[in-house]
Amino acid sequence: MNERSRLVDTFRAKFTHAPYAEVRSPLRVCPLGAHVDHQDGIVTGMALTESVYLLFSSNDDGYIRVQSMDFPDEEYFHLDHVPDMMPAFWGNYLRGAVLSLQRSYKLRHGINAVVRGRLPIGGLSSSAAVTTAYLMALCAVNDLSIEPTALIQYSHWVEREFIGLNNGILDQSANILSLDGHLMRMDCRTGEFQMVPRSENLPEFEVLIVYSGISTTLIQTDYNNRVDECKVAAWLLQELTGRPVSPFREVKLRDIPAEAYHEHRSHLPGRFRRRADHFFSELDRVEAGVRAWTHGDIELFGRCMFESGASSIEQYESGCPELTTIYNILRETDGVHGARFSGAGYRGCCIGLVEPGARETIKQRIDEIYPAAHPEYRDVYRVFFSNTADGARVDAL
């Protein structure tokens, strides 16, 4: 029995009728543009074939009933009485999706749904994927037609305002806008994006995903601290350059011209200089990587990824020993064009672009080194290979 059949059977058993539609909401990778979206930087993204799947029907009584196949318990509430956010609870994204849409629309129909995500990993933005799935299902049953760029903002509100994570719009944008065979380049300040088609000269590749075994929610990491440190760096550069000092909530490193950063970076205190160094060098790597993608130069694209990974460790100071071990393995393994931490880089996984013919050699090398270095994760780390895909969509069943 395939995965969809199992989900359909689970849905029928729970709700005594068949689902009428399915959302496929993909996980995503950001090959270049690490840790800059929250500073209004420029990023790249690709959606993966690996996805969150949500089978649903309308609940005409206004109830939300969702059974997760990955977590225990059912989430069950009425549209008129959305529960508060509960730390580390899987249903928060569902609650937030309802509240986000209710800021603009009167929702009359809830959903009956079963949801499943197949990869047990952080760093591929499963939170954005599942939030998009809930939003699209709610829109479908309430006959709401929302443009993709607006859907990004509804999804982003959930994480920033409801969950309390100070992230940018990369995750939602790659999840919703991606086209298979294209690299998304997005300016997080303006929201403008281009879908850059792959060059005919670009060799075939697969996306490698190495799950470390660590799955901590971002709100429990130093993620928000790093965001604040970037903002302090921007604040200091405003003062050093004689610019008006912005309110802390609004200030971003993107406010600082590159030439002003280069002129005054030596006056920044240690960690704030490192955060600025990462931001401005990462913007350069994004542009170099997009050019390499356009010209079919996968080796240059991969080098930019490796450099991004090194800067994330040394300048941005994210990561953990387990992720650093994986990154170093990939740097030294034939068939890996480039690699870096995925997502915020405090838990979850490393990603790489790899030669399809090198799959077994790459996996064997990881299996030889990683569990020996980190035996506590011997039974939970995983190695996956994926391909790129289109963004989220709803299909009738």
Protein backbone atom coordinates (compact mmCIF):
# COMPACT_ATOMS: atom_id res chain seq x y z
CA MET A 1 0.00 0.00 0.00
CA ASN A 2 1.44 3.41 -0.98
CA GLU A 3 1.59 6.47 1.27
CA ARG A 4 -1.46 8.20 -0.21
CA SER A 5 -3.59 5.06 0.17
CA ARG A 6 -2.62 4.84 3.85
CA LEU A 7 -3.56 8.49 4.36
CA VAL A 8 -6.89 8.03 2.58
CA ASP A 9 -7.69 4.95 4.69
CA THR A 10 -6.80 6.84 7.87
CA PHE A 11 -8.98 9.75 6.81
CA ARG A 12 -11.96 7.49 6.00
CA ALA A 13 -11.65 5.65 9.30
CA LYS A 14 -11.58 8.88 11.27
CA PHE A 15 -14.17 10.98 9.45
CA THR A 16 -16.38 8.29 7.81
CA HIS A 17 -16.16 9.93 4.38
CA ALA A 18 -13.52 10.42 1.72
CA PRO A 19 -11.25 13.48 1.49
CA TYR A 20 -11.95 15.65 -1.50
CA ALA A 21 -8.57 17.29 -1.98
CA GLU A 22 -4.89 17.04 -1.10
CA VAL A 23 -2.27 19.70 -0.48
CA ARG A 24 1.32 18.84 -1.40
CA SER A 25 3.49 21.41 0.34
CA PRO A 26 7.21 20.88 -0.31
CA LEU A 27 10.16 21.16 1.99
CA ARG A 28 12.83 23.56 0.78
CA VAL A 29 16.55 24.16 0.63
CA CYS A 30 18.39 27.45 0.49
CA PRO A 31 21.65 26.72 -1.38
CA LEU A 32 22.91 30.29 -0.85
CA GLY A 33 21.69 33.18 1.26
CA ALA A 34 22.23 31.72 4.72
CA HIS A 35 21.00 33.77 7.71
CA VAL A 36 20.35 36.95 5.72
CA ASP A 37 16.60 36.87 5.08
CA HIS A 38 15.79 38.34 8.50
CA GLN A 39 18.08 41.27 7.61
CA ASP A 40 16.23 41.87 4.31
CA GLY A 41 19.04 40.26 2.34
CA ILE A 42 18.99 38.41 -0.99
CA VAL A 43 18.47 34.66 -0.92
CA THR A 44 18.06 31.64 -3.14
CA GLY A 45 15.72 28.71 -2.75
CA MET A 46 14.49 25.45 -4.26
CA ALA A 47 11.55 23.24 -3.34
CA LEU A 48 12.09 19.50 -2.93
CA THR A 49 10.10 16.45 -3.95
CA GLU A 50 9.91 15.63 -0.22
CA SER A 51 6.75 17.29 1.08
CA VAL A 52 4.11 17.65 3.75
CA TYR A 53 0.83 16.08 2.61
CA LEU A 54 -2.57 17.18 3.89
CA LEU A 55 -5.78 15.37 2.89
CA PHE A 56 -8.88 17.35 3.78
CA SER A 57 -12.59 18.01 3.45
CA SER A 58 -14.83 20.86 4.59
CA ASN A 59 -16.24 20.93 8.09
CA ASP A 60 -19.43 22.92 7.60
CA ASP A 61 -20.00 23.27 11.35
CA GLY A 62 -16.91 25.46 11.66
CA TYR A 63 -14.72 22.97 13.51
CA ILE A 64 -11.05 22.32 12.89
CA ARG A 65 -10.25 18.61 13.25
CA VAL A 66 -6.77 17.56 12.20
CA GLN A 67 -5.04 14.27 12.91
CA SER A 68 -1.25 14.26 12.56
CA MET A 69 0.39 11.03 11.47
CA ASP A 70 3.69 12.21 12.98
CA PHE A 71 2.55 13.36 16.43
CA PRO A 72 0.02 11.99 18.93
CA ASP A 73 -3.38 13.49 19.54
CA GLU A 74 -5.91 15.28 17.41
CA GLU A 75 -6.10 19.06 17.17
CA TYR A 76 -9.77 19.99 17.64
CA PHE A 77 -11.30 23.44 18.11
CA HIS A 78 -13.94 25.77 16.68
CA LEU A 79 -13.15 28.72 14.41
CA ASP A 80 -14.74 31.05 16.96
CA HIS A 81 -12.53 29.78 19.79
CA VAL A 82 -8.94 29.34 18.60
CA PRO A 83 -6.70 28.19 21.47
CA ASP A 84 -3.61 30.15 22.46
CA MET A 85 -0.12 29.20 21.36
CA MET A 86 1.26 26.35 23.46
CA PRO A 87 5.08 26.02 23.50
CA ALA A 88 6.50 23.15 21.40
CA PHE A 89 3.04 21.89 20.31
CA TRP A 90 2.58 20.70 16.72
CA GLY A 91 -0.88 22.28 16.50
CA ASN A 92 0.44 25.84 16.88
CA TYR A 93 0.87 26.26 13.14
CA LEU A 94 -2.74 25.22 12.55
CA ARG A 95 -3.99 27.64 15.19
CA GLY A 96 -1.83 30.39 13.73
CA ALA A 97 -3.02 29.72 10.17
CA VAL A 98 -6.65 30.19 11.23
CA LEU A 99 -5.88 33.41 13.12
CA SER A 100 -3.78 34.76 10.26
CA LEU A 101 -6.59 34.40 7.73
CA GLN A 102 -9.17 35.70 10.20
CA ARG A 103 -7.34 39.02 10.25
CA SER A 104 -8.76 39.60 6.74
CA TYR A 105 -11.58 37.12 6.18
CA LYS A 106 -14.60 35.65 7.91
CA LEU A 107 -14.02 31.90 7.84
CA ARG A 108 -17.29 29.96 7.78
CA HIS A 109 -15.98 26.46 7.17
CA GLY A 110 -13.40 24.51 9.09
CA ILE A 111 -11.52 21.45 7.88
CA ASN A 112 -11.36 17.75 8.60
CA ALA A 113 -7.82 16.68 7.77
CA VAL A 114 -5.01 14.19 8.10
CA VAL A 115 -1.45 15.52 7.79
CA ARG A 116 1.84 13.72 7.25
CA GLY A 117 5.44 14.78 6.67
CA ARG A 118 7.81 11.99 5.72
CA LEU A 119 11.20 13.38 6.72
CA PRO A 120 11.86 13.65 10.50
CA ILE A 121 14.19 16.63 10.20
CA GLY A 122 14.60 20.30 11.01
CA GLY A 123 16.30 22.73 8.69
CA LEU A 124 14.12 22.16 5.62
CA SER A 125 11.35 24.43 6.90
CA SER A 126 8.71 21.84 7.61
CA SER A 127 7.02 24.56 9.71
CA ALA A 128 6.51 26.78 6.64
CA ALA A 129 5.40 23.76 4.60
CA VAL A 130 2.75 22.66 7.10
CA THR A 131 1.54 26.24 7.63
CA THR A 132 1.09 26.67 3.89
CA ALA A 133 -0.82 23.38 3.75
CA TYR A 134 -3.24 24.54 6.45
CA LEU A 135 -3.70 27.94 4.79
CA MET A 136 -4.38 26.43 1.36
CA ALA A 137 -6.90 23.95 2.76
CA LEU A 138 -8.71 26.70 4.67
CA CYS A 139 -8.77 28.86 1.54
CA ALA A 140 -10.14 25.96 -0.53
CA VAL A 141 -13.07 25.17 1.79
CA ASN A 142 -13.92 28.88 2.21
CA ASP A 143 -13.67 29.72 -1.53
CA LEU A 144 -10.86 32.22 -0.93
CA SER A 145 -8.59 33.07 -3.83
CA ILE A 146 -5.34 34.50 -2.45
CA GLU A 147 -2.36 35.45 -4.61
CA PRO A 148 0.87 33.54 -3.86
CA THR A 149 2.71 36.65 -2.67
CA ALA A 150 -0.12 37.40 -0.22
CA LEU A 151 -0.13 33.77 0.94
CA ILE A 152 3.55 34.18 1.81
CA GLN A 153 2.67 37.06 4.12
CA TYR A 154 -0.16 35.15 5.81
CA SER A 155 2.24 32.26 6.45
CA HIS A 156 5.02 34.57 7.65
CA TRP A 157 2.65 36.18 10.17
CA VAL A 158 2.13 32.80 11.80
CA GLU A 159 5.81 32.31 12.58
CA ARG A 160 6.65 35.90 13.49
CA GLU A 161 3.58 37.10 15.34
CA PHE A 162 1.99 33.90 16.66
CA ILE A 163 4.98 31.60 17.23
CA GLY A 164 7.43 34.42 18.01
CA LEU A 165 10.29 33.55 15.63
CA ASN A 166 11.99 36.60 14.10
CA ASN A 167 12.64 35.05 10.70
CA GLY A 168 12.36 36.41 7.16
CA ILE A 169 10.27 35.28 4.20
CA LEU A 170 12.70 32.84 2.55
CA ASP A 171 11.02 29.67 3.79
CA GLN A 172 7.51 30.63 2.77
CA SER A 173 8.64 32.03 -0.58
CA ALA A 174 10.59 28.94 -1.64
CA ASN A 175 7.75 26.70 -0.45
CA ILE A 176 5.09 28.59 -2.44
CA LEU A 177 6.83 30.09 -5.48
CA SER A 178 9.36 27.47 -6.58
CA LEU A 179 9.41 25.99 -10.07
CA ASP A 180 11.12 22.69 -10.80
CA GLY A 181 14.40 23.22 -12.64
CA HIS A 182 14.69 26.84 -11.50
CA LEU A 183 16.63 28.66 -8.80
CA MET A 184 14.56 31.25 -6.96
CA ARG A 185 16.41 34.50 -6.30
CA MET A 186 14.50 36.73 -3.91
CA ASP A 187 15.12 40.19 -2.52
CA CYS A 188 13.68 39.94 0.99
CA ARG A 189 13.43 43.72 1.28
CA THR A 190 11.24 44.34 -1.76
CA GLY A 191 9.68 40.89 -2.13
CA GLU A 192 10.77 40.88 -5.78
CA PHE A 193 11.84 37.49 -7.07
CA GLN A 194 13.10 35.84 -10.23
CA MET A 195 12.87 32.20 -11.17
CA VAL A 196 16.23 31.61 -12.83
CA PRO A 197 16.10 28.64 -15.26
CA ARG A 198 18.94 26.16 -15.06
CA SER A 199 21.49 26.37 -17.83
CA GLU A 200 21.52 23.65 -20.46
CA ASN A 201 25.17 23.19 -19.47
CA LEU A 202 24.41 22.53 -15.81
CA PRO A 203 25.15 18.87 -15.01
CA GLU A 204 22.49 16.70 -13.41
CA PHE A 205 22.56 16.80 -9.63
CA GLU A 206 20.62 15.59 -6.61
CA VAL A 207 20.05 17.27 -3.28
CA LEU A 208 21.69 15.43 -0.40
CA ILE A 209 20.09 15.76 3.03
CA VAL A 210 21.96 14.48 6.08
CA TYR A 211 19.88 14.58 9.24
CA SER A 212 22.05 14.97 12.34
CA GLY A 213 19.51 13.41 14.72
CA ILE A 214 18.96 16.71 16.56
CA SER A 215 15.47 18.19 16.36
CA THR A 216 15.21 21.24 18.60
CA THR A 217 12.65 23.93 17.79
CA LEU A 218 14.25 27.20 16.70
CA ILE A 219 12.59 29.09 19.51
CA GLN A 220 14.78 27.00 21.88
CA THR A 221 18.05 27.96 20.12
CA ASP A 222 20.14 31.12 19.74
CA TYR A 223 18.25 32.02 16.55
CA ASN A 224 16.59 35.16 17.92
CA ASN A 225 19.85 36.18 19.64
CA ARG A 226 21.66 36.12 16.29
CA VAL A 227 18.92 38.23 14.75
CA ASP A 228 19.38 40.80 17.52
CA GLU A 229 23.18 40.77 17.10
CA CYS A 230 22.78 41.55 13.40
CA LYS A 231 20.48 44.43 14.29
CA VAL A 232 23.00 45.78 16.80
CA ALA A 233 25.69 45.62 14.09
CA ALA A 234 23.43 47.64 11.81
CA TRP A 235 22.73 50.10 14.60
CA LEU A 236 26.45 50.59 15.25
CA LEU A 237 27.16 51.09 11.54
CA GLN A 238 24.43 53.72 11.37
CA GLU A 239 26.15 55.59 14.19
CA LEU A 240 29.63 55.17 12.67
CA THR A 241 28.45 56.52 9.32
CA GLY A 242 26.51 59.43 10.80
CA ARG A 243 23.16 58.12 9.59
CA PRO A 244 19.95 58.54 11.59
CA VAL A 245 19.62 55.66 14.04
CA SER A 246 16.52 53.55 13.34
CA PRO A 247 14.29 52.04 16.04
CA PHE A 248 15.73 48.67 17.03
CA ARG A 249 12.69 46.74 15.82
CA GLU A 250 13.10 48.22 12.35
CA VAL A 251 16.85 48.38 11.79
CA LYS A 252 18.43 45.86 9.37
CA LEU A 253 21.91 45.30 7.97
CA ARG A 254 20.44 45.85 4.51
CA ASP A 255 20.01 49.51 5.55
CA ILE A 256 23.80 49.89 5.37
CA PRO A 257 25.43 50.42 1.94
CA ALA A 258 28.19 47.90 1.24
CA GLU A 259 30.81 50.63 0.83
CA ALA A 260 29.92 52.09 4.26
CA TYR A 261 30.30 48.64 5.83
CA HIS A 262 33.73 48.14 4.23
CA GLU A 263 34.88 51.58 5.37
CA HIS A 264 33.80 51.18 8.99
CA ARG A 265 33.79 47.40 9.69
CA SER A 266 37.10 47.54 11.59
CA HIS A 267 35.42 49.73 14.23
CA LEU A 268 32.75 47.16 15.05
CA PRO A 269 33.27 45.10 18.24
CA GLY A 270 34.13 41.42 17.68
CA ARG A 271 30.91 39.46 17.36
CA PHE A 272 29.03 42.33 15.72
CA ARG A 273 31.79 42.63 13.12
CA ARG A 274 31.54 38.89 12.48
CA ARG A 275 27.78 39.08 11.96
CA ALA A 276 28.21 41.96 9.49
CA ASP A 277 31.05 40.14 7.73
CA HIS A 278 28.81 37.14 7.19
CA PHE A 279 25.91 39.22 5.91
CA PHE A 280 27.83 41.21 3.32
CA SER A 281 29.99 38.32 2.13
CA GLU A 282 26.89 36.13 1.81
CA LEU A 283 25.24 38.70 -0.46
CA ASP A 284 28.30 38.48 -2.71
CA ARG A 285 28.10 34.68 -2.72
CA VAL A 286 24.42 34.77 -3.70
CA GLU A 287 25.15 36.89 -6.76
CA ALA A 288 28.18 34.77 -7.72
CA GLY A 289 26.09 31.62 -7.31
CA VAL A 290 23.23 32.91 -9.46
CA ARG A 291 25.72 33.75 -12.23
CA ALA A 292 27.24 30.28 -11.92
CA TRP A 293 23.78 28.69 -12.13
CA THR A 294 23.00 30.73 -15.26
CA HIS A 295 26.27 29.66 -16.92
CA GLY A 296 26.02 26.03 -15.86
CA ASP A 297 29.10 26.17 -13.62
CA ILE A 298 28.14 23.76 -10.86
CA GLU A 299 31.68 23.69 -9.45
CA LEU A 300 31.64 27.45 -8.79
CA PHE A 301 28.11 27.20 -7.40
CA GLY A 302 29.29 24.45 -5.07
CA ARG A 303 32.32 26.43 -3.92
CA CYS A 304 30.01 29.28 -2.99
CA MET A 305 27.97 26.81 -0.90
CA PHE A 306 31.08 25.53 0.90
CA GLU A 307 32.17 29.12 1.60
CA SER A 308 28.69 29.91 2.89
CA GLY A 309 28.96 26.94 5.24
CA ALA A 310 32.35 28.05 6.52
CA SER A 311 31.10 31.60 7.11
CA SER A 312 28.06 30.26 8.96
CA ILE A 313 30.43 28.47 11.35
CA GLU A 314 33.14 31.10 11.72
CA GLN A 315 31.37 34.45 11.25
CA TYR A 316 27.72 33.83 12.05
CA GLU A 317 28.63 31.24 14.69
CA SER A 318 25.68 28.96 14.21
CA GLY A 319 25.93 25.21 14.19
CA CYS A 320 26.73 22.50 16.68
CA PRO A 321 29.47 19.85 16.78
CA GLU A 322 27.28 17.29 15.03
CA LEU A 323 26.42 19.54 12.09
CA THR A 324 30.04 20.68 11.80
CA THR A 325 31.14 17.05 11.59
CA ILE A 326 28.72 16.42 8.72
CA TYR A 327 29.82 19.59 6.93
CA ASN A 328 33.49 18.61 7.20
CA ILE A 329 32.74 15.09 5.92
CA LEU A 330 31.01 16.52 2.87
CA ARG A 331 33.83 18.98 2.19
CA GLU A 332 36.23 16.05 1.93
CA THR A 333 34.04 13.63 -0.06
CA ASP A 334 34.28 13.19 -3.83
CA GLY A 335 31.04 13.76 -5.72
CA VAL A 336 29.85 16.58 -3.43
CA HIS A 337 29.81 19.86 -5.35
CA GLY A 338 28.93 22.01 -2.35
CA ALA A 339 27.34 21.82 1.10
CA ARG A 340 26.25 23.89 4.07
CA PHE A 341 23.95 23.75 7.08
CA SER A 342 20.29 23.96 6.19
CA GLY A 343 17.92 26.39 7.82
CA ALA A 344 19.10 28.26 10.88
CA GLY A 345 21.91 25.80 11.44
CA TYR A 346 21.42 24.97 15.13
CA ARG A 347 19.90 21.54 14.62
CA GLY A 348 18.48 19.48 11.81
CA CYS A 349 20.58 18.78 8.78
CA CYS A 350 23.27 19.63 6.28
CA ILE A 351 22.44 19.80 2.61
CA GLY A 352 24.61 19.31 -0.45
CA LEU A 353 24.45 19.24 -4.23
CA VAL A 354 25.89 15.93 -5.37
CA GLU A 355 26.58 13.84 -8.45
CA PRO A 356 23.79 11.24 -8.78
CA GLY A 357 26.32 8.52 -9.54
CA ALA A 358 28.14 9.13 -6.27
CA ARG A 359 25.20 8.41 -3.97
CA GLU A 360 26.47 5.14 -2.52
CA THR A 361 30.02 6.38 -2.02
CA ILE A 362 28.80 9.51 -0.23
CA LYS A 363 26.42 7.59 2.03
CA GLN A 364 29.10 5.02 2.85
CA ARG A 365 31.56 7.73 3.90
CA ILE A 366 28.98 9.40 6.16
CA ASP A 367 28.05 6.05 7.67
CA GLU A 368 31.72 5.32 8.41
CA ILE A 369 32.50 8.61 10.16
CA TYR A 370 29.41 10.25 11.68
CA PRO A 371 28.09 7.53 14.04
CA ALA A 372 31.62 6.88 15.30
CA ALA A 373 32.08 10.58 16.08
CA HIS A 374 28.62 10.99 17.65
CA PRO A 375 27.48 7.57 18.90
CA GLU A 376 24.50 9.04 20.76
CA TYR A 377 22.89 9.68 17.36
CA ARG A 378 23.91 6.38 15.80
CA ASP A 379 20.34 5.11 15.59
CA VAL A 380 18.57 8.33 14.57
CA TYR A 381 20.73 10.11 11.98
CA ARG A 382 19.63 9.61 8.38
CA VAL A 383 20.88 10.20 4.83
CA PHE A 384 18.38 11.14 2.10
CA PHE A 385 18.58 12.10 -1.56
CA SER A 386 15.93 14.28 -3.21
CA ASN A 387 15.19 16.20 -6.38
CA THR A 388 13.80 19.67 -6.97
CA ALA A 389 10.07 20.28 -7.46
CA ASP A 390 7.35 22.86 -7.96
CA GLY A 391 5.92 24.85 -5.07
CA ALA A 392 2.83 24.02 -3.00
CA ARG A 393 -0.40 23.08 -4.76
CA VAL A 394 -3.90 21.73 -4.12
CA ASP A 395 -5.14 18.75 -6.14
CA ALA A 396 -8.64 17.31 -6.19
CA LEU A 397 -8.89 13.63 -5.30
